[in-house]
Amino acid sequence: MDSRTKRRLSAAELDALARRALGAGVTASAELTDGFANAVWRLSLDDGREVVLKLAPPPELDQLSYERDLLRMEAAAIGLAAAAGVPVAGLLRAGFDDPVLGGDYLMLAALDGVSWNACKDALPPGCGDDLRRELGRHLARLNGVTGEVFGYPHAGITGATWREAFLAMARALVRDTERYPTPLPRPAGEILAVFEAAAPALDEVTTPRLVHFDVWVGNVFLDLRGTPRIQALIDHERAFWGDPLAEFVTPTIFGELREDDPLLAGYREVTPLELTPSALTRLDLYRAYLSLILLVENGPRQYPEEEYAGLRDAAFSSLAEVLDRLVRASLGTSMDIAG
């Protein structure tokens, strides 16, 4: 999707950057347009390598609060995921504050697979369930990586507890609506109050764990040689340190996590996970948070209306539904305490 945050580079600029980063020139280039924020190109180099360049928006461009230094978080997450046995695209070079272009970039080894989103309708019957089960195992390994602090360290939005960090994340996003007025199903302050009322459920999370938080089918690459399997998880830029349960939001986006979902079964092959009433409340908090992101991020990005309308409407409806459910759950808890 086109976005105001995507930088444009000429062929000469791409060649010069590749020579500085990898010591090889560019013989062919193609912009990849599936992403939403960073500009991405596939480059053919004169030494025979195929690489992918991700370029952050210009440093002077205003973005959402959590989006500060996203590619630095992605570079860190790729290394941690690979060490945990999660398939990723190899990181060849991370350039921060590049002196010529300004801003950050990543050079990644190009994948020879296909995004799940691009081939999902052509997969053999039953293959989708097998892939979701495999994805669940990969996510459990990723979430097994632990950190020192909750939240977004690169953006300076953190907390000593998960409740403190998540509410800081939510407050930062609500403040962003002051800079980027956004149609919402409830006033921003009321949304934050709903989050705060449900926040005691977050106290069950005591260890910061790596969460990708953007595992939709467009960010899962498949190897289709023989039986389809997952080749790599990509686009770790939205990653944070928090509750592994948040990982289930994007693979079930605008829907529900069912007990019979193969994704959950695969996850449980690696580590236990129980969907208690408190866990479902936490999951709703994360669904609301993601929907809020999808609505507010149009402010700095300015998506084309015809491409964004469907996503915006789905996020608005989902946010309204989840907030209503959180309010009902909070009222039920209050009545139980009173009784």
Protein backbone atom coordinates (compact mmCIF):
# COMPACT_ATOMS: atom_id res chain seq x y z
CA MET A 1 0.00 0.00 0.00
CA ASP A 2 1.27 3.46 -0.83
CA SER A 3 2.09 5.68 2.14
CA ARG A 4 3.57 9.11 2.75
CA THR A 5 6.18 7.48 5.00
CA LYS A 6 7.72 5.52 2.11
CA ARG A 7 10.89 7.15 0.80
CA ARG A 8 11.70 7.15 -2.90
CA LEU A 9 15.25 6.49 -4.12
CA SER A 10 16.59 6.78 -7.63
CA ALA A 11 18.47 3.94 -9.33
CA ALA A 12 21.72 5.81 -8.70
CA GLU A 13 20.92 6.21 -4.99
CA LEU A 14 20.05 2.52 -4.64
CA ASP A 15 23.32 1.57 -6.34
CA ALA A 16 25.38 3.88 -4.13
CA LEU A 17 23.72 2.57 -0.96
CA ALA A 18 24.30 -1.07 -1.95
CA ARG A 19 27.96 -0.36 -2.67
CA ARG A 20 28.43 1.30 0.73
CA ALA A 21 26.54 -1.43 2.59
CA LEU A 22 27.56 -4.61 0.78
CA GLY A 23 30.38 -3.67 -1.59
CA ALA A 24 28.39 -4.57 -4.71
CA GLY A 25 26.43 -2.54 -7.25
CA VAL A 26 22.80 -2.91 -8.34
CA THR A 27 21.98 -4.46 -11.71
CA ALA A 28 18.18 -4.48 -11.27
CA SER A 29 15.69 -3.25 -8.71
CA ALA A 30 11.98 -3.56 -8.01
CA GLU A 31 9.98 -1.86 -5.28
CA LEU A 32 7.89 -4.23 -3.13
CA THR A 33 4.60 -2.57 -2.28
CA ASP A 34 2.88 -4.99 0.13
CA GLY A 35 4.17 -3.21 3.24
CA PHE A 36 2.53 -0.25 4.92
CA ALA A 37 5.28 1.97 6.36
CA ASN A 38 8.88 1.43 5.26
CA ALA A 39 9.99 1.54 1.63
CA VAL A 40 11.20 -1.88 0.47
CA TRP A 41 13.11 -2.90 -2.66
CA ARG A 42 14.37 -6.20 -4.01
CA LEU A 43 17.83 -5.66 -5.47
CA SER A 44 19.89 -7.83 -7.81
CA LEU A 45 23.60 -7.22 -7.17
CA ASP A 46 26.48 -7.51 -9.60
CA ASP A 47 28.07 -10.23 -7.43
CA GLY A 48 25.06 -12.48 -8.00
CA ARG A 49 23.26 -11.89 -4.68
CA GLU A 50 19.57 -11.09 -4.33
CA VAL A 51 18.85 -8.82 -1.38
CA VAL A 52 16.01 -6.83 0.12
CA LEU A 53 16.49 -3.23 1.24
CA LYS A 54 14.23 -1.74 3.91
CA LEU A 55 14.51 2.01 4.32
CA ALA A 56 12.98 3.87 7.25
CA PRO A 57 10.99 7.06 6.70
CA PRO A 58 12.95 10.34 6.77
CA PRO A 59 13.98 11.17 10.37
CA GLU A 60 12.19 14.52 10.19
CA LEU A 61 8.85 12.93 9.29
CA ASP A 62 6.47 12.82 12.23
CA GLN A 63 5.18 9.33 13.07
CA LEU A 64 3.31 7.60 15.86
CA SER A 65 5.05 7.58 19.23
CA TYR A 66 5.84 3.86 19.22
CA GLU A 67 7.29 4.01 15.70
CA ARG A 68 10.56 5.64 16.73
CA ASP A 69 13.58 3.60 15.51
CA LEU A 70 11.43 0.71 14.28
CA LEU A 71 14.18 -0.77 12.11
CA ARG A 72 16.50 -0.92 15.13
CA MET A 73 13.94 -3.03 16.93
CA GLU A 74 13.55 -5.18 13.82
CA ALA A 75 17.30 -5.76 13.55
CA ALA A 76 17.45 -6.83 17.20
CA ALA A 77 14.38 -9.06 16.86
CA ILE A 78 15.75 -10.82 13.77
CA GLY A 79 18.93 -11.78 15.61
CA LEU A 80 17.04 -13.00 18.67
CA ALA A 81 14.52 -14.95 16.59
CA ALA A 82 17.23 -16.67 14.56
CA ALA A 83 19.06 -17.67 17.75
CA ALA A 84 15.82 -19.21 19.03
CA GLY A 85 15.46 -21.37 15.91
CA VAL A 86 12.73 -19.28 14.27
CA PRO A 87 13.14 -19.02 10.47
CA VAL A 88 13.86 -15.46 9.34
CA ALA A 89 15.45 -13.66 6.41
CA GLY A 90 19.16 -13.27 7.13
CA LEU A 91 20.27 -9.79 8.17
CA LEU A 92 23.27 -8.79 6.02
CA ARG A 93 23.75 -5.21 7.18
CA ALA A 94 22.03 -2.77 9.50
CA GLY A 95 22.82 0.88 8.86
CA PHE A 96 21.69 3.42 11.42
CA ASP A 97 21.80 7.20 10.87
CA ASP A 98 23.28 6.68 7.41
CA PRO A 99 25.41 9.78 6.74
CA VAL A 100 24.42 10.08 3.07
CA LEU A 101 20.69 9.30 3.02
CA GLY A 102 19.93 10.02 6.66
CA GLY A 103 17.87 7.58 8.70
CA ASP A 104 18.13 3.82 9.08
CA TYR A 105 18.14 0.90 6.66
CA LEU A 106 18.41 -2.90 6.70
CA MET A 107 19.87 -5.15 4.02
CA LEU A 108 18.37 -8.65 4.17
CA ALA A 109 18.94 -11.82 2.20
CA ALA A 110 16.11 -12.16 -0.33
CA LEU A 111 13.77 -15.11 0.12
CA ASP A 112 12.96 -17.40 -2.79
CA GLY A 113 9.58 -18.40 -1.37
CA VAL A 114 6.14 -16.84 -1.72
CA SER A 115 4.12 -14.92 0.81
CA TRP A 116 1.25 -16.94 2.25
CA ASN A 117 -1.07 -14.08 1.34
CA ALA A 118 -0.13 -14.36 -2.34
CA CYS A 119 -0.79 -18.11 -2.64
CA LYS A 120 -3.39 -18.88 0.04
CA ASP A 121 -6.16 -19.59 -2.46
CA ALA A 122 -3.97 -22.04 -4.41
CA LEU A 123 -2.81 -24.22 -1.51
CA PRO A 124 -3.89 -27.88 -1.42
CA PRO A 125 -6.91 -28.73 0.78
CA GLY A 126 -5.98 -29.05 4.44
CA CYS A 127 -2.61 -27.43 3.91
CA GLY A 128 -3.69 -24.24 5.66
CA ASP A 129 -4.30 -26.10 8.92
CA ASP A 130 -0.87 -27.75 8.75
CA LEU A 131 0.77 -24.39 8.15
CA ARG A 132 -1.09 -22.76 11.03
CA ARG A 133 0.08 -25.56 13.31
CA GLU A 134 3.67 -25.03 12.14
CA LEU A 135 3.27 -21.29 12.62
CA GLY A 136 2.10 -21.88 16.19
CA ARG A 137 5.31 -23.78 16.96
CA HIS A 138 7.47 -20.99 15.52
CA LEU A 139 5.60 -18.33 17.51
CA ALA A 140 6.01 -20.29 20.74
CA ARG A 141 9.78 -20.42 20.16
CA LEU A 142 9.86 -16.71 19.38
CA ASN A 143 7.88 -15.91 22.52
CA GLY A 144 10.33 -18.01 24.52
CA VAL A 145 12.90 -15.23 24.13
CA THR A 146 12.92 -13.12 27.31
CA GLY A 147 14.01 -9.53 27.89
CA GLU A 148 14.85 -7.09 30.66
CA VAL A 149 12.00 -4.57 30.37
CA PHE A 150 8.44 -4.46 29.08
CA GLY A 151 7.30 -2.34 26.15
CA TYR A 152 9.16 -0.59 23.32
CA PRO A 153 12.71 0.15 24.56
CA HIS A 154 13.76 1.77 21.27
CA ALA A 155 10.85 4.20 21.49
CA GLY A 156 11.32 4.90 25.19
CA ILE A 157 7.85 3.51 26.04
CA THR A 158 8.53 0.97 28.77
CA GLY A 159 7.50 -0.17 32.22
CA ALA A 160 8.81 -2.25 35.10
CA THR A 161 5.58 -4.31 34.94
CA TRP A 162 3.50 -5.35 31.96
CA ARG A 163 0.51 -3.37 33.26
CA GLU A 164 2.65 -0.25 33.52
CA ALA A 165 4.17 -0.75 30.07
CA PHE A 166 0.94 -1.61 28.27
CA LEU A 167 -0.90 1.39 29.71
CA ALA A 168 2.06 3.58 28.70
CA MET A 169 1.77 2.14 25.18
CA ALA A 170 -1.97 2.83 25.14
CA ARG A 171 -1.56 6.36 26.52
CA ALA A 172 1.08 7.17 23.89
CA LEU A 173 -1.31 6.03 21.17
CA VAL A 174 -4.18 8.06 22.64
CA ARG A 175 -1.90 11.12 22.72
CA ASP A 176 -1.19 10.50 19.05
CA THR A 177 -4.89 11.07 18.33
CA GLU A 178 -4.38 14.68 19.48
CA ARG A 179 -1.84 15.19 16.68
CA TYR A 180 -3.81 13.09 14.20
CA PRO A 181 -7.56 13.44 14.88
CA THR A 182 -9.10 10.09 14.03
CA PRO A 183 -12.75 8.95 13.91
CA LEU A 184 -13.16 6.50 16.81
CA PRO A 185 -16.15 4.55 18.16
CA ARG A 186 -15.68 6.18 21.59
CA PRO A 187 -13.85 9.35 22.72
CA ALA A 188 -10.11 8.72 23.13
CA GLY A 189 -10.21 9.39 26.87
CA GLU A 190 -13.04 6.92 27.30
CA ILE A 191 -11.09 4.28 25.38
CA LEU A 192 -8.16 4.76 27.73
CA ALA A 193 -10.51 4.44 30.72
CA VAL A 194 -11.73 1.08 29.38
CA PHE A 195 -8.12 -0.08 29.09
CA GLU A 196 -7.38 1.04 32.63
CA ALA A 197 -10.45 -0.70 34.06
CA ALA A 198 -9.40 -4.02 32.48
CA ALA A 199 -5.70 -3.60 33.28
CA PRO A 200 -5.59 -5.77 36.46
CA ALA A 201 -5.70 -8.83 34.17
CA LEU A 202 -2.27 -7.79 32.86
CA ASP A 203 -0.66 -8.48 36.23
CA GLU A 204 -0.59 -12.19 35.42
CA VAL A 205 2.26 -11.45 32.98
CA THR A 206 5.53 -11.27 34.94
CA THR A 207 8.27 -11.88 32.34
CA PRO A 208 8.93 -9.70 29.27
CA ARG A 209 8.83 -11.91 26.18
CA LEU A 210 9.51 -11.09 22.55
CA VAL A 211 6.27 -10.56 20.62
CA HIS A 212 6.25 -10.05 16.83
CA PHE A 213 2.71 -8.58 16.85
CA ASP A 214 2.38 -8.48 13.05
CA VAL A 215 2.08 -12.11 11.98
CA TRP A 216 -0.56 -11.87 9.29
CA VAL A 217 -0.29 -14.07 6.19
CA GLY A 218 1.54 -11.34 4.26
CA ASN A 219 4.43 -11.59 6.73
CA VAL A 220 4.78 -15.38 6.48
CA PHE A 221 6.81 -16.72 3.54
CA LEU A 222 6.27 -20.26 2.33
CA ASP A 223 8.55 -22.74 0.61
CA LEU A 224 6.32 -24.42 -1.99
CA ARG A 225 8.84 -26.99 -3.16
CA GLY A 226 7.18 -30.24 -2.18
CA THR A 227 4.84 -30.07 0.80
CA PRO A 228 4.34 -26.36 1.62
CA ARG A 229 6.16 -25.27 4.74
CA ILE A 230 7.06 -21.97 6.38
CA GLN A 231 10.29 -20.50 5.04
CA ALA A 232 10.47 -17.36 7.18
CA LEU A 233 8.64 -14.83 9.31
CA ILE A 234 9.35 -11.28 8.13
CA ASP A 235 8.71 -7.67 9.19
CA HIS A 236 9.59 -7.73 12.89
CA GLU A 237 9.45 -3.93 13.17
CA ARG A 238 6.29 -3.82 15.31
CA ALA A 239 7.82 -6.19 17.89
CA PHE A 240 7.72 -5.40 21.60
CA TRP A 241 8.50 -7.04 24.94
CA GLY A 242 5.34 -8.20 26.63
CA ASP A 243 2.66 -10.87 26.81
CA PRO A 244 2.94 -13.80 24.35
CA LEU A 245 -0.85 -13.91 24.18
CA ALA A 246 -0.70 -10.73 22.08
CA GLU A 247 0.88 -12.84 19.33
CA PHE A 248 -2.49 -14.36 18.50
CA VAL A 249 -4.11 -11.05 17.54
CA THR A 250 -2.85 -10.64 13.97
CA PRO A 251 -3.16 -14.32 12.92
CA THR A 252 -6.85 -14.07 13.92
CA ILE A 253 -7.28 -10.39 13.04
CA PHE A 254 -10.84 -9.07 13.47
CA GLY A 255 -11.91 -12.55 14.57
CA GLU A 256 -11.64 -14.84 17.56
CA LEU A 257 -9.08 -17.36 18.79
CA ARG A 258 -10.87 -20.72 18.94
CA GLU A 259 -9.79 -23.68 21.04
CA ASP A 260 -9.77 -25.83 17.90
CA ASP A 261 -7.48 -23.48 15.95
CA PRO A 262 -4.42 -25.44 14.69
CA LEU A 263 -2.35 -22.34 15.50
CA LEU A 264 -3.10 -22.85 19.18
CA ALA A 265 -2.47 -26.58 18.95
CA GLY A 266 0.97 -26.00 17.42
CA TYR A 267 1.82 -23.43 20.06
CA ARG A 268 0.89 -25.89 22.81
CA GLU A 269 3.24 -28.48 21.31
CA VAL A 270 6.08 -26.21 22.48
CA THR A 271 4.70 -24.57 25.63
CA PRO A 272 1.45 -24.63 27.66
CA LEU A 273 -1.16 -21.95 27.09
CA GLU A 274 -4.58 -21.83 28.72
CA LEU A 275 -7.37 -19.53 27.55
CA THR A 276 -8.72 -18.56 30.96
CA PRO A 277 -11.31 -15.75 31.35
CA SER A 278 -8.47 -13.44 32.40
CA ALA A 279 -6.44 -14.47 29.33
CA LEU A 280 -9.40 -13.66 27.08
CA THR A 281 -9.63 -10.21 28.68
CA ARG A 282 -5.96 -9.63 27.94
CA LEU A 283 -6.47 -10.79 24.38
CA ASP A 284 -9.30 -8.29 23.97
CA LEU A 285 -7.04 -5.51 25.27
CA TYR A 286 -4.48 -6.38 22.60
CA ARG A 287 -7.15 -6.56 19.89
CA ALA A 288 -8.36 -3.11 20.86
CA TYR A 289 -4.80 -1.79 20.89
CA LEU A 290 -4.08 -3.10 17.38
CA SER A 291 -7.35 -1.74 15.99
CA LEU A 292 -6.51 1.64 17.48
CA ILE A 293 -3.09 1.53 15.80
CA LEU A 294 -4.67 0.74 12.44
CA LEU A 295 -6.98 3.73 12.76
CA VAL A 296 -4.50 6.29 14.08
CA GLU A 297 -1.60 5.39 11.78
CA ASN A 298 -3.43 6.77 8.76
CA GLY A 299 -2.66 10.25 10.18
CA PRO A 300 1.06 10.26 9.39
CA ARG A 301 0.88 7.77 6.53
CA GLN A 302 -2.07 9.16 4.52
CA TYR A 303 -3.06 5.95 2.77
CA PRO A 304 -4.97 6.13 -0.53
CA GLU A 305 -8.65 6.16 0.42
CA GLU A 306 -9.71 3.38 -1.92
CA GLU A 307 -7.02 1.03 -0.57
CA TYR A 308 -7.46 1.92 3.10
CA ALA A 309 -11.25 2.06 3.40
CA GLY A 310 -11.80 -1.67 3.96
CA LEU A 311 -9.11 -1.94 6.61
CA ARG A 312 -10.30 1.23 8.35
CA ASP A 313 -13.91 0.06 8.49
CA ALA A 314 -12.93 -3.38 9.81
CA ALA A 315 -10.68 -1.85 12.48
CA PHE A 316 -13.40 0.62 13.54
CA SER A 317 -16.01 -2.12 13.88
CA SER A 318 -13.65 -4.44 15.71
CA LEU A 319 -12.59 -1.72 18.14
CA ALA A 320 -16.21 -0.86 18.93
CA GLU A 321 -17.12 -4.52 19.52
CA VAL A 322 -14.09 -5.29 21.69
CA LEU A 323 -14.48 -2.15 23.80
CA ASP A 324 -18.10 -3.07 24.48
CA ARG A 325 -17.02 -6.55 25.52
CA LEU A 326 -14.30 -5.17 27.83
CA VAL A 327 -16.83 -2.84 29.47
CA ARG A 328 -19.22 -5.72 30.09
CA ALA A 329 -16.40 -7.84 31.52
CA SER A 330 -15.30 -5.04 33.84
CA LEU A 331 -18.87 -4.51 35.06
CA GLY A 332 -19.21 -8.23 35.70
CA THR A 333 -15.99 -8.28 37.72
CA SER A 334 -17.16 -5.27 39.77
CA MET A 335 -20.46 -6.98 40.55
CA ASP A 336 -18.65 -10.18 41.58
CA ILE A 337 -16.46 -8.20 43.96
CA ALA A 338 -19.46 -6.33 45.38
CA GLY A 339 -21.35 -9.58 45.84
